[in-house]
């Protein structure tokens, strides 16, 4: 019975990922907030052509881990502010640092 209680406690500590999405960080100018763009394709109802669409989400990032260009996983959560109701789960792929070109004159 003791093993069951420790298993139940560990399940309660980890949050259930009910709705997750994968996107790219487009803005990181605000403190603890990131703007993440999630791209998807929709089929046109009449012509059948696939159209690219994009949703932008304001994501809560308390440790300021993500940067512009990072590929991240986000999950739905309770509203943190007026526009933020998503939280950062993890950074899947970090953005490559920009290449600096040094002219050797």
PDB file of N, CA and C in Angstrom:
ATOM      1  N   UNK A   1       0.826  -1.205   0.000  1.00  0.00           N
ATOM      2  CA  UNK A   1       0.000   0.000   0.000  1.00  0.00           C
ATOM      3  C   UNK A   1       0.865   1.262   0.000  1.00  0.00           C
ATOM      4  N   UNK A   2       2.041   1.186   0.624  1.00  0.00           N
ATOM      5  CA  UNK A   2       2.922   2.347   0.694  1.00  0.00           C
ATOM      6  C   UNK A   2       3.458   2.707  -0.680  1.00  0.00           C
ATOM      7  N   UNK A   3       3.664   1.716  -1.525  1.00  0.00           N
ATOM      8  CA  UNK A   3       4.161   1.980  -2.872  1.00  0.00           C
ATOM      9  C   UNK A   3       3.130   2.734  -3.690  1.00  0.00           C
ATOM     10  N   UNK A   4       1.859   2.420  -3.456  1.00  0.00           N
ATOM     11  CA  UNK A   4       0.791   3.120  -4.181  1.00  0.00           C
ATOM     12  C   UNK A   4       0.721   4.582  -3.798  1.00  0.00           C
ATOM     13  N   UNK A   5       0.940   4.904  -2.512  1.00  0.00           N
ATOM     14  CA  UNK A   5       0.854   6.291  -2.075  1.00  0.00           C
ATOM     15  C   UNK A   5       1.998   7.126  -2.647  1.00  0.00           C
ATOM     16  N   UNK A   6       3.204   6.540  -2.771  1.00  0.00           N
ATOM     17  CA  UNK A   6       4.316   7.297  -3.356  1.00  0.00           C
ATOM     18  C   UNK A   6       4.119   7.495  -4.842  1.00  0.00           C
ATOM     19  N   UNK A   7       3.504   6.512  -5.507  1.00  0.00           N
ATOM     20  CA  UNK A   7       3.231   6.643  -6.932  1.00  0.00           C
ATOM     21  C   UNK A   7       2.167   7.714  -7.169  1.00  0.00           C
ATOM     22  N   UNK A   8       1.144   7.759  -6.321  1.00  0.00           N
ATOM     23  CA  UNK A   8       0.105   8.780  -6.452  1.00  0.00           C
ATOM     24  C   UNK A   8       0.673  10.175  -6.230  1.00  0.00           C
ATOM     25  N   UNK A   9       1.590  10.318  -5.265  1.00  0.00           N
ATOM     26  CA  UNK A   9       2.195  11.619  -4.979  1.00  0.00           C
ATOM     27  C   UNK A   9       3.049  12.093  -6.147  1.00  0.00           C
ATOM     28  N   UNK A  10       3.770  11.157  -6.779  1.00  0.00           N
ATOM     29  CA  UNK A  10       4.609  11.563  -7.909  1.00  0.00           C
ATOM     30  C   UNK A  10       3.760  11.960  -9.106  1.00  0.00           C
ATOM     31  N   UNK A  11       2.615  11.330  -9.285  1.00  0.00           N
ATOM     32  CA  UNK A  11       1.729  11.699 -10.384  1.00  0.00           C
ATOM     33  C   UNK A  11       1.092  13.061 -10.154  1.00  0.00           C
ATOM     34  N   UNK A  12       0.818  13.406  -8.907  1.00  0.00           N
ATOM     35  CA  UNK A  12       0.222  14.701  -8.613  1.00  0.00           C
ATOM     36  C   UNK A  12       1.220  15.833  -8.814  1.00  0.00           C
ATOM     37  N   UNK A  13       2.510  15.597  -8.567  1.00  0.00           N
ATOM     38  CA  UNK A  13       3.522  16.630  -8.725  1.00  0.00           C
ATOM     39  C   UNK A  13       3.750  16.981 -10.189  1.00  0.00           C
ATOM     40  N   UNK A  14       3.698  15.985 -11.078  1.00  0.00           N
ATOM     41  CA  UNK A  14       3.872  16.273 -12.498  1.00  0.00           C
ATOM     42  C   UNK A  14       2.525  16.675 -13.081  1.00  0.00           C
ATOM     43  N   UNK A  15       2.533  17.765 -13.801  1.00  0.00           N
ATOM     44  CA  UNK A  15       1.291  18.270 -14.374  1.00  0.00           C
ATOM     45  C   UNK A  15       0.904  17.444 -15.584  1.00  0.00           C
ATOM     46  N   UNK A  16      -0.375  17.248 -15.753  1.00  0.00           N
ATOM     47  CA  UNK A  16      -0.865  16.505 -16.910  1.00  0.00           C
ATOM     48  C   UNK A  16      -0.804  17.403 -18.136  1.00  0.00           C
ATOM     49  N   UNK A  17      -0.157  16.918 -19.196  1.00  0.00           N
ATOM     50  CA  UNK A  17      -0.063  17.680 -20.433  1.00  0.00           C
ATOM     51  C   UNK A  17      -1.293  17.380 -21.265  1.00  0.00           C
ATOM     52  N   UNK A  18      -2.339  18.157 -21.047  1.00  0.00           N
ATOM     53  CA  UNK A  18      -3.591  17.881 -21.732  1.00  0.00           C
ATOM     54  C   UNK A  18      -3.558  18.332 -23.183  1.00  0.00           C
ATOM     55  N   UNK A  19      -2.930  19.459 -23.446  1.00  0.00           N
ATOM     56  CA  UNK A  19      -2.929  20.011 -24.797  1.00  0.00           C
ATOM     57  C   UNK A  19      -1.565  20.639 -25.054  1.00  0.00           C
ATOM     58  N   UNK A  20      -0.766  19.992 -25.872  1.00  0.00           N
ATOM     59  CA  UNK A  20       0.568  20.517 -26.149  1.00  0.00           C
ATOM     60  C   UNK A  20       0.694  20.828 -27.629  1.00  0.00           C
ATOM     61  N   UNK A  21       1.567  21.777 -27.932  1.00  0.00           N
ATOM     62  CA  UNK A  21       1.867  22.152 -29.306  1.00  0.00           C
ATOM     63  C   UNK A  21       3.355  22.438 -29.419  1.00  0.00           C
ATOM     64  N   UNK A  22       3.855  22.350 -30.646  1.00  0.00           N
ATOM     65  CA  UNK A  22       5.263  22.625 -30.910  1.00  0.00           C
ATOM     66  C   UNK A  22       5.346  23.818 -31.846  1.00  0.00           C
ATOM     67  N   UNK A  23       6.167  24.797 -31.477  1.00  0.00           N
ATOM     68  CA  UNK A  23       6.291  26.006 -32.285  1.00  0.00           C
ATOM     69  C   UNK A  23       7.667  26.621 -32.165  1.00  0.00           C
ATOM     70  N   UNK A  24       7.815  27.797 -32.763  1.00  0.00           N
ATOM     71  CA  UNK A  24       9.090  28.515 -32.791  1.00  0.00           C
ATOM     72  C   UNK A  24       8.922  29.852 -32.081  1.00  0.00           C
ATOM     73  N   UNK A  25       9.880  30.191 -31.231  1.00  0.00           N
ATOM     74  CA  UNK A  25       9.840  31.461 -30.508  1.00  0.00           C
ATOM     75  C   UNK A  25      10.128  32.593 -31.491  1.00  0.00           C
ATOM     76  N   UNK A  26       9.226  33.578 -31.566  1.00  0.00           N
ATOM     77  CA  UNK A  26       9.413  34.699 -32.483  1.00  0.00           C
ATOM     78  C   UNK A  26       9.789  35.988 -31.767  1.00  0.00           C
ATOM     79  N   UNK A  27       9.401  36.137 -30.481  1.00  0.00           N
ATOM     80  CA  UNK A  27       9.748  37.338 -29.721  1.00  0.00           C
ATOM     81  C   UNK A  27      10.115  36.939 -28.299  1.00  0.00           C
ATOM     82  N   UNK A  28      11.177  37.552 -27.780  1.00  0.00           N
ATOM     83  CA  UNK A  28      11.554  37.318 -26.383  1.00  0.00           C
ATOM     84  C   UNK A  28      11.891  38.629 -25.679  1.00  0.00           C
ATOM     85  N   UNK A  29      11.273  39.711 -26.103  1.00  0.00           N
ATOM     86  CA  UNK A  29      11.623  41.022 -25.565  1.00  0.00           C
ATOM     87  C   UNK A  29      11.043  41.279 -24.174  1.00  0.00           C
ATOM     88  N   UNK A  30       9.994  40.568 -23.805  1.00  0.00           N
ATOM     89  CA  UNK A  30       9.382  40.794 -22.494  1.00  0.00           C
ATOM     90  C   UNK A  30       9.933  39.825 -21.458  1.00  0.00           C
ATOM     91  N   UNK A  31       9.869  40.232 -20.215  1.00  0.00           N
ATOM     92  CA  UNK A  31      10.362  39.419 -19.112  1.00  0.00           C
ATOM     93  C   UNK A  31       9.370  38.300 -18.808  1.00  0.00           C
ATOM     94  N   UNK A  32       9.843  37.056 -18.806  1.00  0.00           N
ATOM     95  CA  UNK A  32       9.062  35.858 -18.493  1.00  0.00           C
ATOM     96  C   UNK A  32       7.939  35.573 -19.486  1.00  0.00           C
ATOM     97  N   UNK A  33       7.956  36.196 -20.642  1.00  0.00           N
ATOM     98  CA  UNK A  33       6.929  35.977 -21.658  1.00  0.00           C
ATOM     99  C   UNK A  33       7.588  35.807 -23.015  1.00  0.00           C
ATOM    100  N   UNK A  34       7.128  34.820 -23.756  1.00  0.00           N
ATOM    101  CA  UNK A  34       7.607  34.578 -25.108  1.00  0.00           C
ATOM    102  C   UNK A  34       6.404  34.527 -26.039  1.00  0.00           C
ATOM    103  N   UNK A  35       6.622  34.930 -27.282  1.00  0.00           N
ATOM    104  CA  UNK A  35       5.599  34.766 -28.311  1.00  0.00           C
ATOM    105  C   UNK A  35       6.037  33.607 -29.187  1.00  0.00           C
ATOM    106  N   UNK A  36       5.175  32.600 -29.280  1.00  0.00           N
ATOM    107  CA  UNK A  36       5.494  31.377 -30.019  1.00  0.00           C
ATOM    108  C   UNK A  36       4.531  31.257 -31.187  1.00  0.00           C
ATOM    109  N   UNK A  37       5.085  31.011 -32.381  1.00  0.00           N
ATOM    110  CA  UNK A  37       4.281  30.820 -33.586  1.00  0.00           C
ATOM    111  C   UNK A  37       4.180  29.327 -33.873  1.00  0.00           C
ATOM    112  N   UNK A  38       2.952  28.845 -34.011  1.00  0.00           N
ATOM    113  CA  UNK A  38       2.699  27.442 -34.337  1.00  0.00           C
ATOM    114  C   UNK A  38       2.122  27.407 -35.745  1.00  0.00           C
ATOM    115  N   UNK A  39       2.833  26.752 -36.660  1.00  0.00           N
ATOM    116  CA  UNK A  39       2.401  26.678 -38.052  1.00  0.00           C
ATOM    117  C   UNK A  39       1.679  25.361 -38.302  1.00  0.00           C
ATOM    118  N   UNK A  40       0.660  25.417 -39.168  1.00  0.00           N
ATOM    119  CA  UNK A  40      -0.080  24.220 -39.543  1.00  0.00           C
ATOM    120  C   UNK A  40      -0.659  24.422 -40.932  1.00  0.00           C
ATOM    121  N   UNK A  41      -1.162  23.351 -41.532  1.00  0.00           N
ATOM    122  CA  UNK A  41      -1.739  23.420 -42.865  1.00  0.00           C
ATOM    123  C   UNK A  41      -3.212  23.043 -42.808  1.00  0.00           C
ATOM    124  N   UNK A  42      -4.009  23.759 -43.604  1.00  0.00           N
ATOM    125  CA  UNK A  42      -5.445  23.516 -43.686  1.00  0.00           C
ATOM    126  C   UNK A  42      -5.799  23.307 -45.151  1.00  0.00           C
ATOM    127  N   UNK A  43      -6.644  22.360 -45.420  1.00  0.00           N
ATOM    128  CA  UNK A  43      -7.080  22.106 -46.784  1.00  0.00           C
ATOM    129  C   UNK A  43      -8.245  23.030 -47.122  1.00  0.00           C
ATOM    130  N   UNK A  44      -8.165  23.687 -48.271  1.00  0.00           N
ATOM    131  CA  UNK A  44      -9.233  24.584 -48.708  1.00  0.00           C
ATOM    132  C   UNK A  44     -10.484  23.754 -48.977  1.00  0.00           C
ATOM    133  N   UNK A  45     -11.650  24.202 -48.489  1.00  0.00           N
ATOM    134  CA  UNK A  45     -12.847  23.371 -48.622  1.00  0.00           C
ATOM    135  C   UNK A  45     -13.316  23.157 -50.064  1.00  0.00           C
ATOM    136  N   UNK A  46     -13.090  24.135 -50.922  1.00  0.00           N
ATOM    137  CA  UNK A  46     -13.585  24.007 -52.298  1.00  0.00           C
ATOM    138  C   UNK A  46     -12.514  23.502 -53.258  1.00  0.00           C
ATOM    139  N   UNK A  47     -11.325  24.096 -53.198  1.00  0.00           N
ATOM    140  CA  UNK A  47     -10.301  23.811 -54.189  1.00  0.00           C
ATOM    141  C   UNK A  47      -9.323  22.708 -53.777  1.00  0.00           C
ATOM    142  N   UNK A  48      -9.282  22.373 -52.514  1.00  0.00           N
ATOM    143  CA  UNK A  48      -8.445  21.273 -52.073  1.00  0.00           C
ATOM    144  C   UNK A  48      -6.987  21.619 -51.877  1.00  0.00           C
ATOM    145  N   UNK A  49      -6.603  22.843 -52.164  1.00  0.00           N
ATOM    146  CA  UNK A  49      -5.217  23.247 -51.987  1.00  0.00           C
ATOM    147  C   UNK A  49      -4.919  23.391 -50.494  1.00  0.00           C
ATOM    148  N   UNK A  50      -3.705  23.011 -50.107  1.00  0.00           N
ATOM    149  CA  UNK A  50      -3.304  23.166 -48.715  1.00  0.00           C
ATOM    150  C   UNK A  50      -2.789  24.582 -48.483  1.00  0.00           C
ATOM    151  N   UNK A  51      -3.314  25.233 -47.470  1.00  0.00           N
ATOM    152  CA  UNK A  51      -2.952  26.604 -47.131  1.00  0.00           C
ATOM    153  C   UNK A  51      -2.159  26.600 -45.827  1.00  0.00           C
ATOM    154  N   UNK A  52      -1.121  27.412 -45.766  1.00  0.00           N
ATOM    155  CA  UNK A  52      -0.336  27.533 -44.537  1.00  0.00           C
ATOM    156  C   UNK A  52      -1.003  28.551 -43.626  1.00  0.00           C
ATOM    157  N   UNK A  53      -1.176  28.174 -42.393  1.00  0.00           N
ATOM    158  CA  UNK A  53      -1.740  29.060 -41.374  1.00  0.00           C
ATOM    159  C   UNK A  53      -0.788  29.102 -40.188  1.00  0.00           C
ATOM    160  N   UNK A  54      -0.963  30.125 -39.362  1.00  0.00           N
ATOM    161  CA  UNK A  54      -0.071  30.316 -38.223  1.00  0.00           C
ATOM    162  C   UNK A  54      -0.864  30.880 -37.055  1.00  0.00           C
ATOM    163  N   UNK A  55      -0.665  30.297 -35.875  1.00  0.00           N
ATOM    164  CA  UNK A  55      -1.259  30.815 -34.646  1.00  0.00           C
ATOM    165  C   UNK A  55      -0.143  31.311 -33.752  1.00  0.00           C
ATOM    166  N   UNK A  56      -0.376  32.423 -33.093  1.00  0.00           N
ATOM    167  CA  UNK A  56       0.622  32.980 -32.180  1.00  0.00           C
ATOM    168  C   UNK A  56       0.087  32.890 -30.762  1.00  0.00           C
ATOM    169  N   UNK A  57       0.936  32.408 -29.863  1.00  0.00           N
ATOM    170  CA  UNK A  57       0.557  32.238 -28.463  1.00  0.00           C
ATOM    171  C   UNK A  57       1.541  32.991 -27.583  1.00  0.00           C
ATOM    172  N   UNK A  58       1.025  33.590 -26.512  1.00  0.00           N
ATOM    173  CA  UNK A  58       1.871  34.200 -25.494  1.00  0.00           C
ATOM    174  C   UNK A  58       2.119  33.125 -24.440  1.00  0.00           C
ATOM    175  N   UNK A  59       3.392  32.837 -24.200  1.00  0.00           N
ATOM    176  CA  UNK A  59       3.785  31.700 -23.372  1.00  0.00           C
ATOM    177  C   UNK A  59       4.519  32.196 -22.135  1.00  0.00           C
ATOM    178  N   UNK A  60       4.199  31.583 -20.990  1.00  0.00           N
ATOM    179  CA  UNK A  60       4.871  31.922 -19.731  1.00  0.00           C
ATOM    180  C   UNK A  60       6.165  31.119 -19.625  1.00  0.00           C
ATOM    181  N   UNK A  61       7.296  31.820 -19.511  1.00  0.00           N
ATOM    182  CA  UNK A  61       8.625  31.213 -19.386  1.00  0.00           C
ATOM    183  C   UNK A  61       9.291  31.815 -18.152  1.00  0.00           C
ATOM    184  N   UNK A  62       9.071  31.251 -16.959  1.00  0.00           N
ATOM    185  CA  UNK A  62       9.526  31.904 -15.727  1.00  0.00           C
ATOM    186  C   UNK A  62      11.042  32.037 -15.594  1.00  0.00           C
ATOM    187  N   UNK A  63      11.830  31.113 -16.164  1.00  0.00           N
ATOM    188  CA  UNK A  63      13.286  31.189 -16.044  1.00  0.00           C
ATOM    189  C   UNK A  63      13.950  31.877 -17.233  1.00  0.00           C
ATOM    190  N   UNK A  64      13.192  32.377 -18.186  1.00  0.00           N
ATOM    191  CA  UNK A  64      13.724  33.008 -19.402  1.00  0.00           C
ATOM    192  C   UNK A  64      14.718  32.086 -20.106  1.00  0.00           C
ATOM    193  N   UNK A  65      14.333  30.838 -20.297  1.00  0.00           N
ATOM    194  CA  UNK A  65      15.205  29.827 -20.887  1.00  0.00           C
ATOM    195  C   UNK A  65      15.259  29.950 -22.403  1.00  0.00           C
ATOM    196  N   UNK A  66      14.135  30.208 -23.036  1.00  0.00           N
ATOM    197  CA  UNK A  66      14.071  30.194 -24.499  1.00  0.00           C
ATOM    198  C   UNK A  66      14.497  31.523 -25.095  1.00  0.00           C
ATOM    199  N   UNK A  67      15.000  31.441 -26.311  1.00  0.00           N
ATOM    200  CA  UNK A  67      15.433  32.612 -27.066  1.00  0.00           C
ATOM    201  C   UNK A  67      14.768  32.587 -28.437  1.00  0.00           C
ATOM    202  N   UNK A  68      14.908  33.660 -29.203  1.00  0.00           N
ATOM    203  CA  UNK A  68      14.309  33.754 -30.532  1.00  0.00           C
ATOM    204  C   UNK A  68      14.900  32.674 -31.434  1.00  0.00           C
ATOM    205  N   UNK A  69      14.024  31.954 -32.122  1.00  0.00           N
ATOM    206  CA  UNK A  69      14.453  30.909 -33.037  1.00  0.00           C
ATOM    207  C   UNK A  69      14.434  29.517 -32.439  1.00  0.00           C
ATOM    208  N   UNK A  70      14.261  29.405 -31.129  1.00  0.00           N
ATOM    209  CA  UNK A  70      14.212  28.093 -30.488  1.00  0.00           C
ATOM    210  C   UNK A  70      12.919  27.373 -30.849  1.00  0.00           C
ATOM    211  N   UNK A  71      13.026  26.056 -31.008  1.00  0.00           N
ATOM    212  CA  UNK A  71      11.851  25.218 -31.226  1.00  0.00           C
ATOM    213  C   UNK A  71      11.426  24.704 -29.856  1.00  0.00           C
ATOM    214  N   UNK A  72      10.194  25.001 -29.443  1.00  0.00           N
ATOM    215  CA  UNK A  72       9.762  24.708 -28.079  1.00  0.00           C
ATOM    216  C   UNK A  72       8.446  23.933 -28.074  1.00  0.00           C
ATOM    217  N   UNK A  73       8.218  23.268 -26.949  1.00  0.00           N
ATOM    218  CA  UNK A  73       6.947  22.603 -26.708  1.00  0.00           C
ATOM    219  C   UNK A  73       6.210  23.404 -25.653  1.00  0.00           C
ATOM    220  N   UNK A  74       4.942  23.733 -25.922  1.00  0.00           N
ATOM    221  CA  UNK A  74       4.139  24.515 -24.986  1.00  0.00           C
ATOM    222  C   UNK A  74       2.895  23.720 -24.613  1.00  0.00           C
ATOM    223  N   UNK A  75       2.344  24.015 -23.443  1.00  0.00           N
ATOM    224  CA  UNK A  75       1.156  23.319 -22.965  1.00  0.00           C
ATOM    225  C   UNK A  75       0.151  24.339 -22.454  1.00  0.00           C
ATOM    226  N   UNK A  76      -1.109  24.005 -22.588  1.00  0.00           N
ATOM    227  CA  UNK A  76      -2.189  24.852 -22.110  1.00  0.00           C
ATOM    228  C   UNK A  76      -2.205  24.823 -20.581  1.00  0.00           C
ATOM    229  N   UNK A  77      -2.525  25.955 -19.949  1.00  0.00           N
ATOM    230  CA  UNK A  77      -2.583  26.021 -18.491  1.00  0.00           C
ATOM    231  C   UNK A  77      -3.623  27.064 -18.082  1.00  0.00           C
ATOM    232  N   UNK A  78      -3.730  27.273 -16.798  1.00  0.00           N
ATOM    233  CA  UNK A  78      -4.656  28.293 -16.312  1.00  0.00           C
ATOM    234  C   UNK A  78      -4.156  29.663 -16.761  1.00  0.00           C
ATOM    235  N   UNK A  79      -5.019  30.652 -16.883  1.00  0.00           N
ATOM    236  CA  UNK A  79      -4.562  31.980 -17.312  1.00  0.00           C
ATOM    237  C   UNK A  79      -3.587  32.596 -16.312  1.00  0.00           C
ATOM    238  N   UNK A  80      -2.427  32.997 -16.819  1.00  0.00           N
ATOM    239  CA  UNK A  80      -1.411  33.650 -15.996  1.00  0.00           C
ATOM    240  C   UNK A  80      -1.639  35.151 -16.016  1.00  0.00           C
ATOM    241  N   UNK A  81      -2.076  35.673 -17.160  1.00  0.00           N
ATOM    242  CA  UNK A  81      -2.411  37.085 -17.292  1.00  0.00           C
ATOM    243  C   UNK A  81      -3.538  37.198 -18.306  1.00  0.00           C
ATOM    244  N   UNK A  82      -3.796  38.405 -18.771  1.00  0.00           N
ATOM    245  CA  UNK A  82      -4.896  38.618 -19.716  1.00  0.00           C
ATOM    246  C   UNK A  82      -4.699  37.839 -21.009  1.00  0.00           C
ATOM    247  N   UNK A  83      -3.474  37.783 -21.500  1.00  0.00           N
ATOM    248  CA  UNK A  83      -3.220  37.125 -22.786  1.00  0.00           C
ATOM    249  C   UNK A  83      -2.450  35.813 -22.666  1.00  0.00           C
ATOM    250  N   UNK A  84      -1.860  35.528 -21.506  1.00  0.00           N
ATOM    251  CA  UNK A  84      -1.041  34.314 -21.355  1.00  0.00           C
ATOM    252  C   UNK A  84      -1.849  33.189 -20.723  1.00  0.00           C
ATOM    253  N   UNK A  85      -2.056  32.107 -21.485  1.00  0.00           N
ATOM    254  CA  UNK A  85      -2.672  30.913 -20.932  1.00  0.00           C
ATOM    255  C   UNK A  85      -1.934  29.662 -21.412  1.00  0.00           C
ATOM    256  N   UNK A  86      -0.689  29.827 -21.794  1.00  0.00           N
ATOM    257  CA  UNK A  86       0.165  28.719 -22.200  1.00  0.00           C
ATOM    258  C   UNK A  86       1.464  28.812 -21.416  1.00  0.00           C
ATOM    259  N   UNK A  87       2.094  27.652 -21.162  1.00  0.00           N
ATOM    260  CA  UNK A  87       3.362  27.637 -20.438  1.00  0.00           C
ATOM    261  C   UNK A  87       4.388  26.842 -21.228  1.00  0.00           C
ATOM    262  N   UNK A  88       5.643  27.165 -21.009  1.00  0.00           N
ATOM    263  CA  UNK A  88       6.735  26.480 -21.685  1.00  0.00           C
ATOM    264  C   UNK A  88       6.989  25.145 -20.996  1.00  0.00           C
ATOM    265  N   UNK A  89       6.987  24.059 -21.778  1.00  0.00           N
ATOM    266  CA  UNK A  89       7.284  22.736 -21.229  1.00  0.00           C
ATOM    267  C   UNK A  89       8.775  22.475 -21.330  1.00  0.00           C
ATOM    268  N   UNK A  90       9.332  22.593 -22.553  1.00  0.00           N
ATOM    269  CA  UNK A  90      10.763  22.385 -22.731  1.00  0.00           C
ATOM    270  C   UNK A  90      11.204  22.950 -24.068  1.00  0.00           C
ATOM    271  N   UNK A  91      12.497  23.197 -24.153  1.00  0.00           N
ATOM    272  CA  UNK A  91      13.104  23.647 -25.401  1.00  0.00           C
ATOM    273  C   UNK A  91      13.554  22.392 -26.146  1.00  0.00           C
ATOM    274  N   UNK A  92      12.976  22.160 -27.317  1.00  0.00           N
ATOM    275  CA  UNK A  92      13.299  20.964 -28.087  1.00  0.00           C
ATOM    276  C   UNK A  92      14.598  21.120 -28.865  1.00  0.00           C
ATOM    277  N   UNK A  93      14.775  22.292 -29.470  1.00  0.00           N
ATOM    278  CA  UNK A  93      15.971  22.540 -30.278  1.00  0.00           C
ATOM    279  C   UNK A  93      16.341  24.007 -30.140  1.00  0.00           C
ATOM    280  N   UNK A  94      17.560  24.250 -29.694  1.00  0.00           N
ATOM    281  CA  UNK A  94      18.028  25.622 -29.525  1.00  0.00           C
ATOM    282  C   UNK A  94      18.375  26.212 -30.887  1.00  0.00           C
ATOM    283  N   UNK A  95      18.182  27.502 -31.025  1.00  0.00           N
ATOM    284  CA  UNK A  95      18.499  28.190 -32.279  1.00  0.00           C
ATOM    285  C   UNK A  95      20.011  28.279 -32.438  1.00  0.00           C
ATOM    286  N   UNK A  96      20.445  28.213 -33.681  1.00  0.00           N
ATOM    287  CA  UNK A  96      21.870  28.354 -33.947  1.00  0.00           C
ATOM    288  C   UNK A  96      22.270  29.812 -33.762  1.00  0.00           C
ATOM    289  N   UNK A  97      23.425  30.048 -33.151  1.00  0.00           N
ATOM    290  CA  UNK A  97      23.867  31.434 -32.982  1.00  0.00           C
ATOM    291  C   UNK A  97      24.174  32.065 -34.341  1.00  0.00           C
ATOM    292  N   UNK A  98      23.953  33.369 -34.491  1.00  0.00           N
ATOM    293  CA  UNK A  98      24.229  34.009 -35.765  1.00  0.00           C
ATOM    294  C   UNK A  98      25.721  33.987 -36.090  1.00  0.00           C
ATOM    295  N   UNK A  99      26.012  33.828 -37.357  1.00  0.00           N
ATOM    296  CA  UNK A  99      27.407  33.790 -37.809  1.00  0.00           C
ATOM    297  C   UNK A  99      27.890  35.217 -38.016  1.00  0.00           C
ATOM    298  N   UNK A 100      29.005  35.574 -37.386  1.00  0.00           N
ATOM    299  CA  UNK A 100      29.574  36.899 -37.546  1.00  0.00           C
ATOM    300  C   UNK A 100      30.642  36.860 -38.642  1.00  0.00           C
ATOM    301  N   UNK A 101      30.530  37.764 -39.573  1.00  0.00           N
ATOM    302  CA  UNK A 101      31.495  37.829 -40.672  1.00  0.00           C
ATOM    303  C   UNK A 101      32.505  38.920 -40.323  1.00  0.00           C
ATOM    304  N   UNK A 102      33.752  38.508 -40.225  1.00  0.00           N
ATOM    305  CA  UNK A 102      34.819  39.441 -39.895  1.00  0.00           C
ATOM    306  C   UNK A 102      35.618  39.679 -41.183  1.00  0.00           C
ATOM    307  N   UNK A 103      35.701  40.941 -41.561  1.00  0.00           N
ATOM    308  CA  UNK A 103      36.448  41.260 -42.776  1.00  0.00           C
ATOM    309  C   UNK A 103      37.926  41.403 -42.408  1.00  0.00           C
ATOM    310  N   UNK A 104      38.772  40.685 -43.129  1.00  0.00           N
ATOM    311  CA  UNK A 104      40.220  40.738 -42.867  1.00  0.00           C
ATOM    312  C   UNK A 104      40.900  41.708 -43.792  1.00  0.00           C
ATOM    313  N   UNK A 105      40.771  42.996 -43.513  1.00  0.00           N
ATOM    314  CA  UNK A 105      41.363  44.016 -44.380  1.00  0.00           C
ATOM    315  C   UNK A 105      42.783  44.265 -44.007  1.00  0.00           C
TER     316      UNK A 105
END
